[in-house]
C-alpha atoms as a PDB file:
ATOM      1  CA  MET A   1       0.000   0.000   0.000  1.00  0.00           C
ATOM      2  CA  VAL A   2       1.393   3.348  -1.026  1.00  0.00           C
ATOM      3  CA  GLU A   3       1.135   6.006   1.694  1.00  0.00           C
ATOM      4  CA  ILE A   4       0.810   9.696   0.884  1.00  0.00           C
ATOM      5  CA  ALA A   5       3.984  10.295   2.913  1.00  0.00           C
ATOM      6  CA  ALA A   6       5.884   7.977   0.542  1.00  0.00           C
ATOM      7  CA  ILE A   7       4.535   9.862  -2.484  1.00  0.00           C
ATOM      8  CA  LEU A   8       5.559  13.193  -0.963  1.00  0.00           C
ATOM      9  CA  LYS A   9       8.999  11.833  -0.074  1.00  0.00           C
ATOM     10  CA  LYS A  10       9.513  10.745  -3.690  1.00  0.00           C
ATOM     11  CA  LYS A  11       8.492  14.200  -4.924  1.00  0.00           C
ATOM     12  CA  PHE A  12      10.848  15.769  -2.372  1.00  0.00           C
ATOM     13  CA  LEU A  13      13.794  13.653  -3.556  1.00  0.00           C
ATOM     14  CA  GLU A  14      13.048  14.633  -7.151  1.00  0.00           C
ATOM     15  CA  SER A  15      12.777  18.331  -6.280  1.00  0.00           C
ATOM     16  CA  ASP A  16      15.333  21.072  -5.607  1.00  0.00           C
ATOM     17  CA  TRP A  17      14.240  21.380  -1.976  1.00  0.00           C
ATOM     18  CA  ASN A  18      16.452  20.475   0.971  1.00  0.00           C
ATOM     19  CA  TYR A  19      15.103  19.573   4.417  1.00  0.00           C
ATOM     20  CA  ALA A  20      15.939  22.927   5.995  1.00  0.00           C
ATOM     21  CA  ALA A  21      14.314  25.019   3.253  1.00  0.00           C
ATOM     22  CA  LEU A  22      11.236  22.794   3.032  1.00  0.00           C
ATOM     23  CA  ALA A  23      10.776  22.824   6.795  1.00  0.00           C
ATOM     24  CA  ALA A  24      10.986  26.625   6.874  1.00  0.00           C
ATOM     25  CA  GLU A  25       8.476  26.893   4.010  1.00  0.00           C
ATOM     26  CA  CYS A  26       5.963  24.638   5.781  1.00  0.00           C
ATOM     27  CA  GLY A  27       6.442  25.933   9.332  1.00  0.00           C
ATOM     28  CA  VAL A  28       7.666  22.630  10.749  1.00  0.00           C
ATOM     29  CA  ASN A  29      11.037  21.415  11.994  1.00  0.00           C
ATOM     30  CA  LYS A  30      13.346  19.265   9.874  1.00  0.00           C
ATOM     31  CA  SER A  31      13.135  16.218  12.109  1.00  0.00           C
ATOM     32  CA  SER A  32       9.322  16.126  11.883  1.00  0.00           C
ATOM     33  CA  ILE A  33       9.407  16.118   8.076  1.00  0.00           C
ATOM     34  CA  ASN A  34      12.062  13.415   8.076  1.00  0.00           C
ATOM     35  CA  LEU A  35      10.065  11.255  10.496  1.00  0.00           C
ATOM     36  CA  TYR A  36       6.874  11.818   8.504  1.00  0.00           C
ATOM     37  CA  PHE A  37       8.495  10.914   5.185  1.00  0.00           C
ATOM     38  CA  ASN A  38       9.842   7.691   6.688  1.00  0.00           C
ATOM     39  CA  GLY A  39       6.598   6.604   8.310  1.00  0.00           C
ATOM     40  CA  LYS A  40       7.748   7.137  11.887  1.00  0.00           C
ATOM     41  CA  GLN A  41       5.417  10.088  12.513  1.00  0.00           C
ATOM     42  CA  LYS A  42       1.815   9.706  11.325  1.00  0.00           C
ATOM     43  CA  SER A  43       0.825  13.380  11.236  1.00  0.00           C
ATOM     44  CA  ILE A  44       2.382  16.832  10.964  1.00  0.00           C
ATOM     45  CA  GLY A  45      -0.921  18.697  11.331  1.00  0.00           C
ATOM     46  CA  SER A  46      -3.423  19.615   8.631  1.00  0.00           C
ATOM     47  CA  GLU A  47      -2.139  23.142   7.908  1.00  0.00           C
ATOM     48  CA  ARG A  48       1.488  21.973   7.658  1.00  0.00           C
ATOM     49  CA  PHE A  49       0.402  19.020   5.530  1.00  0.00           C
ATOM     50  CA  LEU A  50      -1.343  21.321   3.047  1.00  0.00           C
ATOM     51  CA  ALA A  51       1.708  23.603   2.987  1.00  0.00           C
ATOM     52  CA  LEU A  52       3.867  20.552   2.256  1.00  0.00           C
ATOM     53  CA  CYS A  53       1.578  19.541  -0.623  1.00  0.00           C
ATOM     54  CA  ARG A  54       1.777  23.047  -2.094  1.00  0.00           C
ATOM     55  CA  ALA A  55       5.551  23.216  -1.777  1.00  0.00           C
ATOM     56  CA  LEU A  56       5.988  19.849  -3.487  1.00  0.00           C
ATOM     57  CA  ASP A  57       3.357  20.595  -6.135  1.00  0.00           C
ATOM     58  CA  PHE A  58       1.240  17.643  -5.036  1.00  0.00           C
ATOM     59  CA  ASP A  59      -2.290  17.863  -6.475  1.00  0.00           C
ATOM     60  CA  MET A  60      -4.614  16.529  -3.771  1.00  0.00           C
ATOM     61  CA  ASP A  61      -7.684  16.745  -6.013  1.00  0.00           C
ATOM     62  CA  THR A  62      -6.047  14.455  -8.568  1.00  0.00           C
ATOM     63  CA  PHE A  63      -5.009  12.046  -5.842  1.00  0.00           C
ATOM     64  CA  ILE A  64      -8.561  11.848  -4.518  1.00  0.00           C
ATOM     65  CA  GLU A  65      -9.993  11.380  -7.998  1.00  0.00           C
ATOM     66  CA  GLN A  66      -7.567   8.549  -8.737  1.00  0.00           C
ATOM     67  CA  GLY A  67      -7.688   6.997  -5.266  1.00  0.00           C
ATOM     68  CA  GLY A  68     -11.076   5.316  -5.525  1.00  0.00           C
ATOM     69  CA  SER A  69     -14.775   5.908  -5.895  1.00  0.00           C
ATOM     70  CA  LEU A  70     -16.417   8.637  -3.838  1.00  0.00           C
ATOM     71  CA  ASP A  71     -19.629   6.607  -3.683  1.00  0.00           C
ATOM     72  CA  VAL A  72     -18.431   3.601  -1.683  1.00  0.00           C
ATOM     73  CA  GLY A  73     -17.041   3.513   1.825  1.00  0.00           C
ATOM     74  CA  GLU A  74     -13.578   2.268   0.914  1.00  0.00           C
ATOM     75  CA  ALA A  75     -10.440   4.227   1.692  1.00  0.00           C
ATOM     76  CA  ALA A  76      -7.772   4.927  -0.880  1.00  0.00           C
ATOM     77  CA  PRO A  77      -4.164   4.101   0.044  1.00  0.00           C
ATOM     78  CA  GLY A  78      -2.939   6.457   2.752  1.00  0.00           C
ATOM     79  CA  ALA A  79      -6.419   7.886   3.277  1.00  0.00           C
ATOM     80  CA  GLU A  80      -9.487   7.387   5.426  1.00  0.00           C
ATOM     81  CA  TRP A  81     -12.920   7.359   3.840  1.00  0.00           C
ATOM     82  CA  LEU A  82     -15.230   9.829   5.609  1.00  0.00           C
ATOM     83  CA  PRO A  83     -18.956  10.067   4.849  1.00  0.00           C
ATOM     84  CA  VAL A  84     -20.631  13.291   3.794  1.00  0.00           C
ATOM     85  CA  LEU A  85     -22.857  14.418   6.650  1.00  0.00           C
ATOM     86  CA  GLY A  86     -24.423  17.374   4.831  1.00  0.00           C
ATOM     87  CA  ASN A  87     -24.133  21.160   4.563  1.00  0.00           C
ATOM     88  CA  VAL A  88     -23.831  23.643   7.405  1.00  0.00           C
ATOM     89  CA  GLN A  89     -24.607  27.352   7.362  1.00  0.00           C
ATOM     90  CA  ALA A  90     -22.045  30.048   8.084  1.00  0.00           C
ATOM     91  CA  GLY A  91     -24.158  33.046   7.248  1.00  0.00           C
ATOM     92  CA  PRO A  92     -27.297  35.087   7.968  1.00  0.00           C
ATOM     93  CA  ASP A  93     -29.763  33.758  10.520  1.00  0.00           C
ATOM     94  CA  ALA A  94     -32.628  33.921   8.026  1.00  0.00           C
ATOM     95  CA  ASP A  95     -30.979  31.328   5.776  1.00  0.00           C
ATOM     96  CA  TRP A  96     -30.459  28.590   8.364  1.00  0.00           C
ATOM     97  CA  GLY A  97     -33.730  26.742   7.874  1.00  0.00           C
ATOM     98  CA  ASP A  98     -33.492  26.702   4.081  1.00  0.00           C
ATOM     99  CA  SER A  99     -29.906  25.632   3.500  1.00  0.00           C
ATOM    100  CA  VAL A 100     -28.800  23.409   6.357  1.00  0.00           C
ATOM    101  CA  GLN A 101     -29.054  19.683   5.760  1.00  0.00           C
ATOM    102  CA  ILE A 102     -27.259  17.289   8.074  1.00  0.00           C
ATOM    103  CA  GLY A 103     -28.311  13.676   8.073  1.00  0.00           C
ATOM    104  CA  GLU A 104     -31.338  14.458   5.877  1.00  0.00           C
ATOM    105  CA  GLY A 105     -30.959  13.067   2.418  1.00  0.00           C
ATOM    106  CA  SER A 106     -27.278  13.954   2.210  1.00  0.00           C
ATOM    107  CA  GLY A 107     -26.481  10.380   1.161  1.00  0.00           C
ATOM    108  CA  ALA A 108     -24.896   8.032   3.657  1.00  0.00           C
ATOM    109  CA  GLN A 109     -22.806   6.401   0.915  1.00  0.00           C
ATOM    110  CA  ARG A 110     -21.248   9.626  -0.376  1.00  0.00           C
ATOM    111  CA  GLY A 111     -17.886  10.503   1.055  1.00  0.00           C
ATOM    112  CA  TYR A 112     -14.304  11.546   0.481  1.00  0.00           C
ATOM    113  CA  ASN A 113     -10.955   9.852   0.749  1.00  0.00           C
ATOM    114  CA  VAL A 114      -9.239  12.204   3.212  1.00  0.00           C
ATOM    115  CA  PRO A 115      -5.468  11.944   3.847  1.00  0.00           C
ATOM    116  CA  GLU A 116      -4.814  10.135   7.116  1.00  0.00           C
ATOM    117  CA  SER A 117      -2.621  12.997   8.269  1.00  0.00           C
ATOM    118  CA  MET A 118      -5.690  15.283   8.240  1.00  0.00           C
ATOM    119  CA  VAL A 119      -7.885  12.972  10.334  1.00  0.00           C
ATOM    120  CA  GLN A 120      -6.896  13.809  13.896  1.00  0.00           C
ATOM    121  CA  ARG A 121      -9.250  12.322  16.469  1.00  0.00           C
ATOM    122  CA  ARG A 122      -9.415  13.616  20.028  1.00  0.00           C
ATOM    123  CA  ARG A 123     -11.199  10.480  21.199  1.00  0.00           C
ATOM    124  CA  LYS A 124     -10.163   7.019  20.055  1.00  0.00           C
ATOM    125  CA  GLY A 125     -12.737   5.397  17.819  1.00  0.00           C
ATOM    126  CA  SER A 126     -14.939   8.480  17.478  1.00  0.00           C
ATOM    127  CA  LYS A 127     -17.063   8.938  14.358  1.00  0.00           C
ATOM    128  CA  MET A 128     -15.802  11.382  11.744  1.00  0.00           C
ATOM    129  CA  GLY A 129     -17.417  12.939   8.709  1.00  0.00           C
ATOM    130  CA  CYS A 130     -17.278  15.766   6.161  1.00  0.00           C
ATOM    131  CA  VAL A 131     -19.506  18.830   6.071  1.00  0.00           C
ATOM    132  CA  SER A 132     -19.683  21.518   3.385  1.00  0.00           C
ATOM    133  CA  VAL A 133     -19.654  25.147   4.554  1.00  0.00           C
ATOM    134  CA  GLN A 134     -22.275  27.534   3.178  1.00  0.00           C
ATOM    135  CA  GLY A 135     -22.334  31.297   3.753  1.00  0.00           C
ATOM    136  CA  ASP A 136     -19.720  33.910   4.672  1.00  0.00           C
ATOM    137  CA  SER A 137     -19.865  34.371   8.449  1.00  0.00           C
ATOM    138  CA  MET A 138     -16.664  32.383   9.045  1.00  0.00           C
ATOM    139  CA  GLU A 139     -14.592  34.138   6.356  1.00  0.00           C
ATOM    140  CA  PRO A 140     -11.645  34.334   5.971  1.00  0.00           C
ATOM    141  CA  PHE A 141     -11.086  31.262   8.184  1.00  0.00           C
ATOM    142  CA  LEU A 142     -13.685  29.221   6.291  1.00  0.00           C
ATOM    143  CA  MET A 143     -14.897  30.017   2.792  1.00  0.00           C
ATOM    144  CA  GLU A 144     -18.159  28.954   1.189  1.00  0.00           C
ATOM    145  CA  GLY A 145     -17.696  25.512  -0.339  1.00  0.00           C
ATOM    146  CA  ASP A 146     -14.906  24.489   2.033  1.00  0.00           C
ATOM    147  CA  ILE A 147     -15.066  20.955   3.372  1.00  0.00           C
ATOM    148  CA  VAL A 148     -14.581  20.679   7.123  1.00  0.00           C
ATOM    149  CA  ILE A 149     -13.694  17.443   8.886  1.00  0.00           C
ATOM    150  CA  VAL A 150     -15.944  16.995  11.896  1.00  0.00           C
ATOM    151  CA  GLU A 151     -15.470  14.703  14.886  1.00  0.00           C
ATOM    152  CA  GLN A 152     -18.999  13.920  16.011  1.00  0.00           C
ATOM    153  CA  CYS A 153     -19.651  14.740  19.657  1.00  0.00           C
ATOM    154  CA  LEU A 154     -23.024  15.462  21.279  1.00  0.00           C
ATOM    155  CA  ASP A 155     -21.739  16.993  24.518  1.00  0.00           C
ATOM    156  CA  LEU A 156     -21.325  20.768  24.218  1.00  0.00           C
ATOM    157  CA  GLY A 157     -19.406  20.685  27.494  1.00  0.00           C
ATOM    158  CA  ALA A 158     -16.660  18.662  25.754  1.00  0.00           C
ATOM    159  CA  ALA A 159     -15.858  21.539  23.392  1.00  0.00           C
ATOM    160  CA  ARG A 160     -12.915  23.714  24.395  1.00  0.00           C
ATOM    161  CA  LYS A 161     -12.626  27.479  24.269  1.00  0.00           C
ATOM    162  CA  ARG A 162     -11.727  28.605  20.727  1.00  0.00           C
ATOM    163  CA  ASP A 163     -12.961  25.329  19.149  1.00  0.00           C
ATOM    164  CA  VAL A 164     -14.856  25.657  15.882  1.00  0.00           C
ATOM    165  CA  VAL A 165     -18.059  23.694  16.318  1.00  0.00           C
ATOM    166  CA  VAL A 166     -21.134  22.596  14.393  1.00  0.00           C
ATOM    167  CA  VAL A 167     -24.146  23.382  16.571  1.00  0.00           C
ATOM    168  CA  ASP A 168     -27.877  22.844  16.332  1.00  0.00           C
ATOM    169  CA  LEU A 169     -28.941  26.311  17.453  1.00  0.00           C
ATOM    170  CA  THR A 170     -32.520  25.462  18.406  1.00  0.00           C
ATOM    171  CA  GLY A 171     -32.511  21.713  18.969  1.00  0.00           C
ATOM    172  CA  ALA A 172     -34.721  21.439  15.887  1.00  0.00           C
ATOM    173  CA  GLY A 173     -32.119  20.999  13.143  1.00  0.00           C
ATOM    174  CA  GLU A 174     -31.003  24.590  12.546  1.00  0.00           C
ATOM    175  CA  TYR A 175     -27.278  23.958  12.240  1.00  0.00           C
ATOM    176  CA  ALA A 176     -24.521  26.566  12.089  1.00  0.00           C
ATOM    177  CA  ILE A 177     -20.739  26.557  12.269  1.00  0.00           C
ATOM    178  CA  LYS A 178     -19.150  29.007  14.721  1.00  0.00           C
ATOM    179  CA  ARG A 179     -16.198  29.426  17.058  1.00  0.00           C
ATOM    180  CA  LEU A 180     -16.861  28.808  20.741  1.00  0.00           C
ATOM    181  CA  THR A 181     -15.477  31.384  23.169  1.00  0.00           C
ATOM    182  CA  ARG A 182     -16.054  32.829  26.611  1.00  0.00           C
ATOM    183  CA  PHE A 183     -16.076  36.527  27.381  1.00  0.00           C
ATOM    184  CA  GLU A 184     -14.723  37.607  30.766  1.00  0.00           C
ATOM    185  CA  GLU A 185     -17.745  39.735  31.572  1.00  0.00           C
ATOM    186  CA  GLY A 186     -20.447  37.424  32.927  1.00  0.00           C
ATOM    187  CA  GLY A 187     -18.476  34.265  32.153  1.00  0.00           C
ATOM    188  CA  HIS A 188     -21.009  33.125  29.549  1.00  0.00           C
ATOM    189  CA  ARG A 189     -20.069  31.065  26.505  1.00  0.00           C
ATOM    190  CA  TRP A 190     -20.731  32.515  23.079  1.00  0.00           C
ATOM    191  CA  LEU A 191     -20.658  31.359  19.477  1.00  0.00           C
ATOM    192  CA  VAL A 192     -18.802  33.896  17.353  1.00  0.00           C
ATOM    193  CA  SER A 193     -18.184  34.399  13.649  1.00  0.00           C
ATOM    194  CA  SER A 194     -14.825  35.151  12.026  1.00  0.00           C
ATOM    195  CA  ASN A 195     -16.580  37.762   9.896  1.00  0.00           C
ATOM    196  CA  ASN A 196     -17.137  40.689  12.279  1.00  0.00           C
ATOM    197  CA  LYS A 197     -20.318  41.851  10.549  1.00  0.00           C
ATOM    198  CA  TYR A 198     -22.166  39.077  12.409  1.00  0.00           C
ATOM    199  CA  ASP A 199     -23.107  39.388  16.082  1.00  0.00           C
ATOM    200  CA  PRO A 200     -22.101  36.761  18.689  1.00  0.00           C
ATOM    201  CA  ILE A 201     -24.736  34.199  19.723  1.00  0.00           C
ATOM    202  CA  LEU A 202     -25.163  33.361  23.390  1.00  0.00           C
ATOM    203  CA  VAL A 203     -24.940  29.613  24.101  1.00  0.00           C
ATOM    204  CA  ARG A 204     -28.305  28.443  25.446  1.00  0.00           C
ATOM    205  CA  ARG A 205     -29.606  25.213  26.952  1.00  0.00           C
ATOM    206  CA  ALA A 206     -31.641  24.328  23.864  1.00  0.00           C
ATOM    207  CA  MET A 207     -28.523  24.210  21.680  1.00  0.00           C
ATOM    208  CA  ARG A 208     -27.068  20.813  20.820  1.00  0.00           C
ATOM    209  CA  LEU A 209     -23.507  20.122  19.711  1.00  0.00           C
ATOM    210  CA  PHE A 210     -23.215  18.062  16.542  1.00  0.00           C
ATOM    211  CA  GLY A 211     -19.444  17.956  16.327  1.00  0.00           C
ATOM    212  CA  ILE A 212     -16.077  19.663  16.606  1.00  0.00           C
ATOM    213  CA  VAL A 213     -14.160  20.771  13.504  1.00  0.00           C
ATOM    214  CA  VAL A 214     -10.751  19.087  13.565  1.00  0.00           C
ATOM    215  CA  GLY A 215      -9.616  19.815  10.019  1.00  0.00           C
ATOM    216  CA  VAL A 216     -10.284  21.865   6.918  1.00  0.00           C
ATOM    217  CA  TYR A 217      -9.714  20.933   3.316  1.00  0.00           C
ATOM    218  CA  ARG A 218     -10.298  23.796   0.905  1.00  0.00           C
ATOM    219  CA  SER A 219     -11.774  23.028  -2.526  1.00  0.00           C
ATOM    220  CA  MET A 220     -12.021  19.272  -2.109  1.00  0.00           C
ATOM    221  CA  ILE A 221     -14.766  19.121  -4.737  1.00  0.00           C
END
């Protein structure tokens, strides 16, 4: 089985890069890249991984297209197959009910072969999936059409400060993606947007956590 790390190592050896320059370009130390290339370190983090792909001119879209069908739950070499869970709104309140679809006709057999290095679980054996972002409230952190990798978790208390979360805002299927934070005044938890034209949303009892965003893959489709 060919791992993505082995493909990237081959491209590195064929390139003009050296370890020091490549490490500086990707924001990671030389030893981590060396360990990753040789299979002794499973992950270097999603942002560093994407930087590594860019530096080595590795086309992830082509890899996914050639790695196997998107309609069956089988992983391509060096990847984990994650099901599509649906779409989640990052935009105006008025649009939530019309555009958010999670677990409702999104197709349990649709999915993506996601590089193993981008699938970073907090809890062993937890369920993972992909969700498409709609709207502009999380720009520039998340853009419309981005695919986020979500670790499913129903306990809002398990989310940490500054986590990006997918939340059912009413308990009735009105999902949104926001960053969880706590303001000093009052000590309440709030859901905030990256786009400052949107107001914070106070966390209330009726809200239900769907999952925690653990990775982002821009323009997967």
